[in-house]
Amino acid sequence: MTFTETETDHSPMTNPDGVLAVHETDYGHSVSWVQLADGKILMLCKGSEFHTSGDGGITWSDGWRGQCEEGCELEDARALVRLDGDGVGLVADYHPEDSINYYDKQLVFRRSYDGGKTWSKGSAINPRGPTSFIWQDMFLRTSSGRIILPVYLAIGQGRFVKEGAGVVGGYVNGNFVSTDAHFTDPHFGASYVWYSDDDGETWKRNRDGELFIIVRPGGPFEPTFEPSVAEVEPGKLFMLMRANLGRYFQAWSYDDGETWTRPQPTQLAGTHAPAQVRTLPNGHLLCVLTQQGQEEIKRGFIRTRLSSAISRTGGKLWEFFQNVQSIHPEPYVPPGPIDNIHPEGVFSLTESGGFEGDARYMTSLPVGYGRFSYPSVLVLEDRVLISHTYTWHDEMGRRTGVAEGKNSRIKVLPLSWFYGGREPYDNPDLARLEESASP
């Protein structure tokens, strides 16, 4: 395995000269956005802050805090969606005061008709239990007008690390650095969707239950988390799910989200980090993912390559891999066998003693070790906006951003960047091969 350090930000990127704009931000993984009726972009960040852009993301307005109809400031907003006319909807988290479980949350839907300044009183999408948990920027409005909200449930006690399980990590110049990302998470997860046909007034669940991975008939079972959904064609939807089996997993709906196929592995190598999938103006699918190989994961490189890929076959085959942000020069990682993959470096911070690791993978991490994940993706007619987390470790192992106080980036990229600097095009051979593969 190789890595590359640059003089400035420690992270190579495919064709950096093709970027239209880069913004250093402190938004973490909280960004969502919609294009308003007048063409401006409305961006949500940090749960309650809004900005607009009138030039496709090159510059942004000063921010403001959204105000709720009931007189309070907006809190814990996660995603935006366009409604009919000039309306905008959002979903926010509500954590009941009597709960001690992090995942015990309800989702609340609100509306704005003044460009995000004020928001209506919230109405619950889901009852309490089982959980409907979300990450940022996941709404889809299909060509039928249906709003799709992909969610997941998490079953279990505690937070993200099992008690006494140790800390996944490595060393940068002899300084310990945590590389954990849910590798000892004690929760089981499954994906599903809520959908609305009346602009968010009422909501229904998909009719056929939750989506989790059946490794073989009768088990074992593996969880899925943080689904993202795109429309392939009217009525046909594609879902991409986070898993811990060295791949992203996929499912299909042929009735606009009401029922789904069982999750199956994609050709996309990955680890415990979410991906976003979007439909481009030409009908191709764009995926922005944390692309990671199995040997990299074992060494502790677990969110060190944020990539993009294009599917000209509606999600069946992925091409045109590019590095959005990475410490590795390779833009493509071949997928390995389906297996539960985790870093081999596990260390104890308790008096119970340390864990034995595999010495082949207990190697030092490079100065400039970085983590890039949780993409938010907005597709416009001629460009794509990507916001993602961004942190790296200096020569003392200290975790910091590119600029003081910054932990994320927004990149504005022309559509041609995702095709290797070429204008988007179709491949007639793919259509021919696809036809020959049909029964």
Protein backbone atom coordinates (compact mmCIF):
# COMPACT_ATOMS: atom_id res chain seq x y z
CA MET A 1 0.00 0.00 0.00
CA THR A 2 1.21 3.51 -0.81
CA PHE A 3 0.30 6.99 0.25
CA THR A 4 1.19 10.45 -0.93
CA GLU A 5 1.71 13.70 0.95
CA THR A 6 1.47 17.08 -0.74
CA GLU A 7 3.11 20.24 0.57
CA THR A 8 -0.19 21.89 1.36
CA ASP A 9 -3.03 19.63 2.46
CA HIS A 10 -1.53 16.12 2.55
CA SER A 11 -4.23 14.84 0.20
CA PRO A 12 -4.00 14.19 -3.51
CA MET A 13 -7.06 14.76 -5.63
CA THR A 14 -7.81 13.73 -9.17
CA ASN A 15 -7.44 16.70 -11.53
CA PRO A 16 -7.37 19.47 -8.89
CA ASP A 17 -7.11 22.08 -11.64
CA GLY A 18 -10.65 21.17 -12.69
CA VAL A 19 -12.22 22.37 -9.44
CA LEU A 20 -14.42 25.45 -9.79
CA ALA A 21 -14.26 26.41 -6.10
CA VAL A 22 -13.22 25.03 -2.70
CA HIS A 23 -14.60 26.32 0.60
CA GLU A 24 -13.06 25.47 3.98
CA THR A 25 -15.91 25.14 6.51
CA ASP A 26 -16.70 24.03 10.04
CA TYR A 27 -19.94 22.24 9.11
CA GLY A 28 -18.80 18.68 9.79
CA HIS A 29 -21.34 16.24 8.34
CA SER A 30 -24.37 18.51 8.66
CA VAL A 31 -24.85 19.92 5.15
CA SER A 32 -27.97 19.58 3.03
CA TRP A 33 -29.15 21.69 0.14
CA VAL A 34 -31.89 22.29 -2.43
CA GLN A 35 -32.22 24.46 -5.50
CA LEU A 36 -35.01 27.00 -5.01
CA ALA A 37 -37.59 28.03 -7.61
CA ASP A 38 -35.51 31.12 -8.51
CA GLY A 39 -32.40 29.00 -9.16
CA LYS A 40 -30.57 29.91 -5.97
CA ILE A 41 -29.15 27.19 -3.74
CA LEU A 42 -30.39 27.02 -0.17
CA MET A 43 -27.86 25.30 2.12
CA LEU A 44 -28.55 23.98 5.62
CA CYS A 45 -25.66 23.33 8.00
CA LYS A 46 -25.02 22.73 11.70
CA GLY A 47 -28.65 21.88 12.35
CA SER A 48 -30.11 25.38 12.09
CA GLU A 49 -27.90 27.67 9.98
CA PHE A 50 -28.75 28.63 6.38
CA HIS A 51 -26.86 30.23 3.49
CA THR A 52 -27.73 30.89 -0.15
CA SER A 53 -25.71 30.97 -3.36
CA GLY A 54 -26.78 32.64 -6.59
CA ASP A 55 -23.77 31.54 -8.66
CA GLY A 56 -23.83 27.76 -8.37
CA GLY A 57 -21.85 27.49 -5.14
CA ILE A 58 -18.92 29.77 -6.02
CA THR A 59 -19.89 32.33 -3.35
CA TRP A 60 -22.27 32.16 -0.40
CA SER A 61 -24.33 34.66 1.57
CA ASP A 62 -23.92 35.38 5.25
CA GLY A 63 -25.74 32.86 7.38
CA TRP A 64 -28.91 33.09 9.44
CA ARG A 65 -30.60 30.87 12.03
CA GLY A 66 -33.93 29.35 11.06
CA GLN A 67 -36.88 30.29 13.30
CA CYS A 68 -39.70 27.93 14.21
CA GLU A 69 -43.35 28.95 14.08
CA GLU A 70 -43.66 28.24 17.81
CA GLY A 71 -41.09 30.96 18.58
CA CYS A 72 -37.93 28.89 19.07
CA GLU A 73 -34.78 28.54 17.01
CA LEU A 74 -34.60 25.54 14.72
CA GLU A 75 -32.58 22.60 16.08
CA ASP A 76 -31.14 19.33 14.76
CA ALA A 77 -32.33 19.76 11.16
CA ARG A 78 -30.81 17.11 8.90
CA ALA A 79 -32.05 17.39 5.32
CA LEU A 80 -33.93 19.61 2.86
CA VAL A 81 -36.36 18.80 0.05
CA ARG A 82 -38.19 20.93 -2.52
CA LEU A 83 -41.97 21.01 -2.21
CA ASP A 84 -44.57 22.16 -4.72
CA GLY A 85 -44.36 25.82 -5.69
CA ASP A 86 -41.95 27.86 -3.56
CA GLY A 87 -42.05 25.53 -0.58
CA VAL A 88 -39.12 23.78 1.10
CA GLY A 89 -39.37 20.94 3.60
CA LEU A 90 -36.91 19.68 6.17
CA VAL A 91 -36.57 16.79 8.58
CA ALA A 92 -35.18 17.26 12.09
CA ASP A 93 -34.36 14.98 15.01
CA TYR A 94 -36.35 15.06 18.22
CA HIS A 95 -34.92 13.21 21.22
CA PRO A 96 -37.56 12.57 23.93
CA GLU A 97 -36.44 13.87 27.32
CA ASP A 98 -37.24 10.60 29.10
CA SER A 99 -34.94 8.48 26.91
CA ILE A 100 -31.37 7.46 27.75
CA ASN A 101 -30.84 5.60 24.46
CA TYR A 102 -29.05 7.67 21.80
CA TYR A 103 -31.04 6.03 19.01
CA ASP A 104 -34.46 6.67 20.58
CA LYS A 105 -35.50 9.54 18.34
CA GLN A 106 -38.46 10.78 16.35
CA LEU A 107 -38.30 12.55 13.02
CA VAL A 108 -40.13 15.86 12.64
CA PHE A 109 -41.11 17.46 9.31
CA ARG A 110 -41.36 21.25 8.85
CA ARG A 111 -42.09 23.60 5.93
CA SER A 112 -40.88 27.02 4.87
CA TYR A 113 -42.35 29.35 2.24
CA ASP A 114 -39.93 32.25 2.71
CA GLY A 115 -36.66 30.67 1.60
CA GLY A 116 -35.77 29.08 4.93
CA LYS A 117 -36.25 32.07 7.24
CA THR A 118 -39.21 30.68 9.21
CA TRP A 119 -40.45 27.11 9.58
CA SER A 120 -43.85 25.65 10.38
CA LYS A 121 -44.68 23.72 13.51
CA GLY A 122 -43.20 20.25 13.28
CA SER A 123 -45.25 17.11 12.69
CA ALA A 124 -43.95 13.63 13.55
CA ILE A 125 -43.05 11.33 10.67
CA ASN A 126 -42.61 8.20 12.80
CA PRO A 127 -43.89 6.99 16.17
CA ARG A 128 -41.40 6.21 18.94
CA GLY A 129 -39.83 2.82 18.40
CA PRO A 130 -38.60 1.19 16.34
CA THR A 131 -36.07 3.86 15.52
CA SER A 132 -36.03 5.93 12.36
CA PHE A 133 -32.49 7.27 12.33
CA ILE A 134 -31.03 9.50 9.63
CA TRP A 135 -27.85 11.09 8.43
CA GLN A 136 -27.63 14.34 6.52
CA ASP A 137 -28.93 15.19 3.02
CA MET A 138 -30.85 12.01 2.23
CA PHE A 139 -34.19 13.20 0.78
CA LEU A 140 -35.22 12.24 -2.75
CA ARG A 141 -38.17 13.64 -4.69
CA THR A 142 -39.00 11.27 -7.52
CA SER A 143 -40.43 12.17 -10.92
CA SER A 144 -43.89 11.23 -9.62
CA GLY A 145 -43.65 13.89 -6.90
CA ARG A 146 -43.27 11.31 -4.14
CA ILE A 147 -40.86 12.24 -1.34
CA ILE A 148 -38.58 9.39 -0.30
CA LEU A 149 -36.85 9.51 3.10
CA PRO A 150 -34.37 6.63 3.53
CA VAL A 151 -33.73 5.81 7.20
CA TYR A 152 -32.35 3.03 9.34
CA LEU A 153 -33.11 1.52 12.71
CA ALA A 154 -30.48 0.67 15.29
CA ILE A 155 -31.27 -1.93 17.93
CA GLY A 156 -29.23 -2.23 21.08
CA GLN A 157 -27.85 -0.50 24.14
CA GLY A 158 -25.19 2.15 24.59
CA ARG A 159 -23.44 4.33 22.04
CA PHE A 160 -21.00 3.48 19.25
CA VAL A 161 -18.33 1.41 21.07
CA LYS A 162 -18.97 -1.80 22.97
CA GLU A 163 -17.94 -1.54 26.60
CA GLY A 164 -14.43 -2.93 27.11
CA ALA A 165 -13.88 -3.61 23.43
CA GLY A 166 -10.73 -1.52 23.16
CA VAL A 167 -9.83 1.33 20.83
CA VAL A 168 -9.00 0.84 17.16
CA GLY A 169 -5.94 2.90 16.29
CA GLY A 170 -2.33 3.29 15.23
CA TYR A 171 0.68 5.58 15.66
CA VAL A 172 1.78 8.72 13.81
CA ASN A 173 5.42 9.35 14.77
CA GLY A 174 4.83 7.32 17.91
CA ASN A 175 1.71 9.28 18.86
CA PHE A 176 -1.49 7.27 19.21
CA VAL A 177 -4.28 8.11 16.76
CA SER A 178 -7.77 6.62 16.91
CA THR A 179 -8.95 5.18 13.59
CA ASP A 180 -12.24 3.80 14.87
CA ALA A 181 -15.48 3.98 12.90
CA HIS A 182 -18.14 1.74 14.45
CA PHE A 183 -15.95 -1.37 14.31
CA THR A 184 -17.08 -2.39 17.81
CA ASP A 185 -20.54 -0.81 17.56
CA PRO A 186 -22.89 -3.02 19.63
CA HIS A 187 -25.99 -2.19 17.57
CA PHE A 188 -27.75 -4.14 14.85
CA GLY A 189 -29.09 -2.03 12.00
CA ALA A 190 -31.52 -2.30 9.12
CA SER A 191 -32.58 0.13 6.41
CA TYR A 192 -36.04 1.13 5.21
CA VAL A 193 -37.87 4.19 3.86
CA TRP A 194 -40.68 6.55 4.70
CA TYR A 195 -42.51 8.13 1.77
CA SER A 196 -45.08 10.87 1.28
CA ASP A 197 -47.38 11.59 -1.66
CA ASP A 198 -48.81 14.85 -0.25
CA ASP A 199 -45.73 17.05 0.25
CA GLY A 200 -45.01 15.73 3.72
CA GLU A 201 -48.50 15.95 5.24
CA THR A 202 -48.66 12.19 5.83
CA TRP A 203 -46.08 9.43 5.71
CA LYS A 204 -46.05 5.69 5.05
CA ARG A 205 -43.38 3.02 5.52
CA ASN A 206 -42.30 0.72 2.71
CA ARG A 207 -44.62 -2.28 2.82
CA ASP A 208 -42.12 -5.16 2.96
CA GLY A 209 -40.06 -4.54 6.08
CA GLU A 210 -36.46 -3.70 6.87
CA LEU A 211 -33.41 -4.39 4.72
CA PHE A 212 -30.49 -6.27 6.29
CA ILE A 213 -27.95 -8.70 4.88
CA ILE A 214 -28.49 -12.45 4.96
CA VAL A 215 -25.00 -13.86 4.57
CA ARG A 216 -26.36 -17.35 3.99
CA PRO A 217 -29.82 -18.89 4.44
CA GLY A 218 -30.66 -19.00 8.14
CA GLY A 219 -27.91 -16.57 9.08
CA PRO A 220 -25.64 -15.10 10.13
CA PHE A 221 -27.21 -11.72 9.56
CA GLU A 222 -25.31 -8.49 9.01
CA PRO A 223 -26.64 -4.97 9.52
CA THR A 224 -27.07 -2.14 7.03
CA PHE A 225 -26.96 1.54 7.94
CA GLU A 226 -27.31 5.00 6.37
CA PRO A 227 -29.05 4.25 3.07
CA SER A 228 -29.04 6.64 0.11
CA VAL A 229 -31.57 6.42 -2.74
CA ALA A 230 -31.59 7.65 -6.36
CA GLU A 231 -34.13 7.35 -9.18
CA VAL A 232 -32.95 5.25 -12.13
CA GLU A 233 -36.12 5.79 -14.16
CA PRO A 234 -39.74 6.61 -13.27
CA GLY A 235 -40.83 4.10 -10.62
CA LYS A 236 -37.42 2.38 -10.39
CA LEU A 237 -35.19 3.33 -7.46
CA PHE A 238 -31.67 2.29 -6.44
CA MET A 239 -30.58 2.12 -2.78
CA LEU A 240 -26.99 2.04 -1.56
CA MET A 241 -26.29 0.97 2.04
CA ARG A 242 -23.35 1.06 4.39
CA ALA A 243 -22.12 -2.32 5.64
CA ASN A 244 -19.08 -3.90 7.29
CA LEU A 245 -18.35 -6.64 4.78
CA GLY A 246 -15.77 -4.88 2.62
CA ARG A 247 -18.45 -3.72 0.14
CA TYR A 248 -21.36 -1.36 -0.16
CA PHE A 249 -24.66 -3.19 -0.59
CA GLN A 250 -27.54 -2.36 -2.94
CA ALA A 251 -31.27 -2.92 -3.28
CA TRP A 252 -33.86 -2.03 -5.93
CA SER A 253 -37.44 -0.84 -5.87
CA TYR A 254 -39.71 -1.20 -8.92
CA ASP A 255 -42.74 0.55 -7.38
CA ASP A 256 -41.38 3.98 -6.39
CA GLY A 257 -40.09 2.86 -2.99
CA GLU A 258 -42.98 0.80 -1.63
CA THR A 259 -41.15 -2.56 -1.78
CA TRP A 260 -37.47 -3.47 -2.14
CA THR A 261 -35.30 -6.39 -3.16
CA ARG A 262 -33.05 -8.01 -0.57
CA PRO A 263 -29.65 -6.31 -0.20
CA GLN A 264 -26.90 -7.67 -2.43
CA PRO A 265 -23.20 -6.69 -2.69
CA THR A 266 -22.13 -4.02 -5.14
CA GLN A 267 -18.78 -3.90 -6.94
CA LEU A 268 -17.81 -0.94 -4.72
CA ALA A 269 -15.13 -1.61 -2.11
CA GLY A 270 -15.79 0.18 1.15
CA THR A 271 -15.78 0.22 4.90
CA HIS A 272 -18.01 1.44 7.73
CA ALA A 273 -18.81 4.85 6.19
CA PRO A 274 -21.81 6.13 4.23
CA ALA A 275 -22.09 6.91 0.51
CA GLN A 276 -24.38 9.18 -1.47
CA VAL A 277 -25.94 8.28 -4.80
CA ARG A 278 -27.55 10.84 -7.12
CA THR A 279 -29.00 10.95 -10.65
CA LEU A 280 -27.20 13.21 -13.13
CA PRO A 281 -29.03 15.27 -15.78
CA ASN A 282 -28.07 12.69 -18.46
CA GLY A 283 -29.60 9.83 -16.43
CA HIS A 284 -26.31 8.34 -15.26
CA LEU A 285 -25.86 7.67 -11.54
CA LEU A 286 -23.17 9.39 -9.50
CA CYS A 287 -21.88 7.77 -6.32
CA VAL A 288 -19.62 9.54 -3.79
CA LEU A 289 -18.22 6.96 -1.38
CA THR A 290 -15.47 6.13 1.07
CA GLN A 291 -13.65 3.64 -1.15
CA GLN A 292 -11.33 1.40 0.86
CA GLY A 293 -9.54 -1.90 0.19
CA GLN A 294 -9.44 -4.77 2.65
CA GLU A 295 -5.69 -4.61 3.23
CA GLU A 296 -6.01 -0.87 3.83
CA ILE A 297 -8.77 -1.40 6.38
CA LYS A 298 -6.71 -3.97 8.30
CA ARG A 299 -3.86 -1.45 8.58
CA GLY A 300 -6.18 1.24 9.91
CA PHE A 301 -6.79 3.20 6.69
CA ILE A 302 -10.55 3.37 7.06
CA ARG A 303 -11.76 6.74 5.76
CA THR A 304 -8.72 7.84 3.84
CA ARG A 305 -10.09 7.87 0.28
CA LEU A 306 -13.28 9.72 -0.67
CA SER A 307 -14.05 8.75 -4.25
CA SER A 308 -16.63 9.24 -6.95
CA ALA A 309 -17.86 6.75 -9.52
CA ILE A 310 -20.30 6.86 -12.43
CA SER A 311 -22.78 4.19 -13.50
CA ARG A 312 -24.07 4.31 -17.07
CA THR A 313 -26.13 1.17 -16.40
CA GLY A 314 -28.42 2.37 -13.62
CA GLY A 315 -26.21 1.11 -10.80
CA LYS A 316 -25.23 -2.31 -12.16
CA LEU A 317 -21.69 -1.37 -13.24
CA TRP A 318 -19.48 1.49 -11.95
CA GLU A 319 -16.78 3.35 -13.91
CA PHE A 320 -14.78 6.62 -14.04
CA PHE A 321 -13.38 6.41 -10.49
CA GLN A 322 -11.94 9.72 -9.25
CA ASN A 323 -10.46 10.83 -5.93
CA VAL A 324 -12.42 13.68 -4.36
CA GLN A 325 -9.99 13.69 -1.41
CA SER A 326 -7.47 11.03 -0.51
CA ILE A 327 -4.08 10.18 0.96
CA HIS A 328 -3.70 7.44 -1.68
CA PRO A 329 -2.88 8.08 -5.34
CA GLU A 330 -4.94 5.17 -6.66
CA PRO A 331 -8.47 6.28 -7.62
CA TYR A 332 -9.83 2.73 -7.92
CA VAL A 333 -9.81 -0.13 -5.40
CA PRO A 334 -10.77 -3.65 -6.57
CA PRO A 335 -13.39 -5.19 -4.29
CA GLY A 336 -12.35 -8.19 -2.23
CA PRO A 337 -14.29 -11.19 -0.91
CA ILE A 338 -17.40 -10.60 1.20
CA ASP A 339 -16.07 -10.73 4.75
CA ASN A 340 -16.30 -8.89 8.05
CA ILE A 341 -13.30 -6.59 7.77
CA HIS A 342 -11.88 -4.50 10.61
CA PRO A 343 -8.53 -2.94 11.58
CA GLU A 344 -6.08 -5.30 13.27
CA GLY A 345 -4.75 -2.65 15.64
CA VAL A 346 -6.88 -2.69 18.81
CA PHE A 347 -5.63 -1.17 22.06
CA SER A 348 -7.01 -1.20 25.59
CA LEU A 349 -7.58 1.95 27.64
CA THR A 350 -8.80 -0.04 30.65
CA GLU A 351 -7.11 -2.17 33.30
CA SER A 352 -8.43 -5.31 31.68
CA GLY A 353 -5.36 -5.54 29.43
CA GLY A 354 -4.57 -5.17 25.75
CA PHE A 355 -5.76 -7.03 22.69
CA GLU A 356 -3.46 -9.06 20.52
CA GLY A 357 -3.15 -7.69 17.00
CA ASP A 358 -1.78 -9.06 13.76
CA ALA A 359 1.82 -7.81 13.50
CA ARG A 360 1.58 -7.67 9.71
CA TYR A 361 -0.82 -4.76 10.01
CA MET A 362 0.44 -3.06 13.18
CA THR A 363 2.47 -0.54 11.19
CA SER A 364 2.87 3.17 11.65
CA LEU A 365 0.46 5.63 10.07
CA PRO A 366 1.88 8.43 7.92
CA VAL A 367 2.10 12.07 8.86
CA GLY A 368 -0.89 13.54 7.08
CA TYR A 369 -3.12 10.58 7.91
CA GLY A 370 -6.57 11.96 7.13
CA ARG A 371 -10.23 11.08 7.33
CA PHE A 372 -12.70 12.20 4.67
CA SER A 373 -16.27 10.98 4.76
CA TYR A 374 -20.01 11.77 5.07
CA PRO A 375 -20.52 13.39 1.66
CA SER A 376 -23.48 15.63 0.89
CA VAL A 377 -24.09 15.90 -2.85
CA LEU A 378 -26.09 18.43 -4.86
CA VAL A 379 -26.45 17.92 -8.63
CA LEU A 380 -27.10 20.95 -10.85
CA GLU A 381 -27.36 21.15 -14.63
CA ASP A 382 -23.66 21.74 -15.24
CA ARG A 383 -21.94 20.98 -11.94
CA VAL A 384 -21.97 19.02 -8.69
CA LEU A 385 -21.41 20.32 -5.16
CA ILE A 386 -19.85 17.97 -2.60
CA SER A 387 -19.47 18.73 1.10
CA HIS A 388 -17.48 16.27 3.20
CA THR A 389 -15.69 16.01 6.52
CA TYR A 390 -11.97 16.76 6.41
CA THR A 391 -9.43 16.20 9.18
CA TRP A 392 -5.80 15.18 9.15
CA HIS A 393 -3.02 14.45 11.67
CA ASP A 394 0.18 16.48 11.90
CA GLU A 395 3.65 15.25 12.83
CA MET A 396 2.63 15.13 16.52
CA GLY A 397 -0.47 13.06 15.76
CA ARG A 398 -2.77 15.99 16.53
CA ARG A 399 -6.08 15.93 14.71
CA THR A 400 -6.77 19.20 12.95
CA GLY A 401 -8.33 20.69 9.84
CA VAL A 402 -6.77 22.41 6.86
CA ALA A 403 -7.35 25.81 8.45
CA GLU A 404 -7.78 26.65 12.12
CA GLY A 405 -11.20 25.59 13.33
CA LYS A 406 -12.20 23.97 10.05
CA ASN A 407 -13.33 20.35 9.78
CA SER A 408 -14.99 20.08 6.37
CA ARG A 409 -14.80 21.19 2.77
CA ILE A 410 -17.20 22.11 -0.01
CA LYS A 411 -16.00 21.41 -3.54
CA VAL A 412 -17.72 22.69 -6.67
CA LEU A 413 -16.94 20.47 -9.66
CA PRO A 414 -18.04 20.54 -13.31
CA LEU A 415 -19.82 17.43 -14.59
CA SER A 416 -16.89 16.69 -16.87
CA TRP A 417 -14.60 16.23 -13.84
CA PHE A 418 -16.46 13.04 -12.89
CA TYR A 419 -15.78 11.63 -16.38
CA GLY A 420 -12.03 12.14 -16.19
CA GLY A 421 -12.15 15.64 -17.64
CA ARG A 422 -14.24 14.60 -20.64
CA GLU A 423 -17.78 15.51 -21.49
CA PRO A 424 -20.29 12.86 -20.36
CA TYR A 425 -20.92 10.19 -22.93
CA ASP A 426 -22.63 6.83 -23.32
CA ASN A 427 -20.99 3.55 -24.30
CA PRO A 428 -23.07 1.54 -26.80
CA ASP A 429 -21.11 -1.61 -25.93
CA LEU A 430 -22.54 -1.51 -22.40
CA ALA A 431 -26.09 -1.52 -23.74
CA ARG A 432 -25.24 -4.45 -26.01
CA LEU A 433 -23.66 -6.44 -23.20
CA GLU A 434 -26.55 -5.70 -20.90
CA GLU A 435 -29.01 -7.00 -23.47
CA SER A 436 -27.01 -10.18 -24.02
CA ALA A 437 -26.99 -10.85 -20.26
CA SER A 438 -30.78 -10.81 -20.06
CA PRO A 439 -32.58 -14.18 -19.92
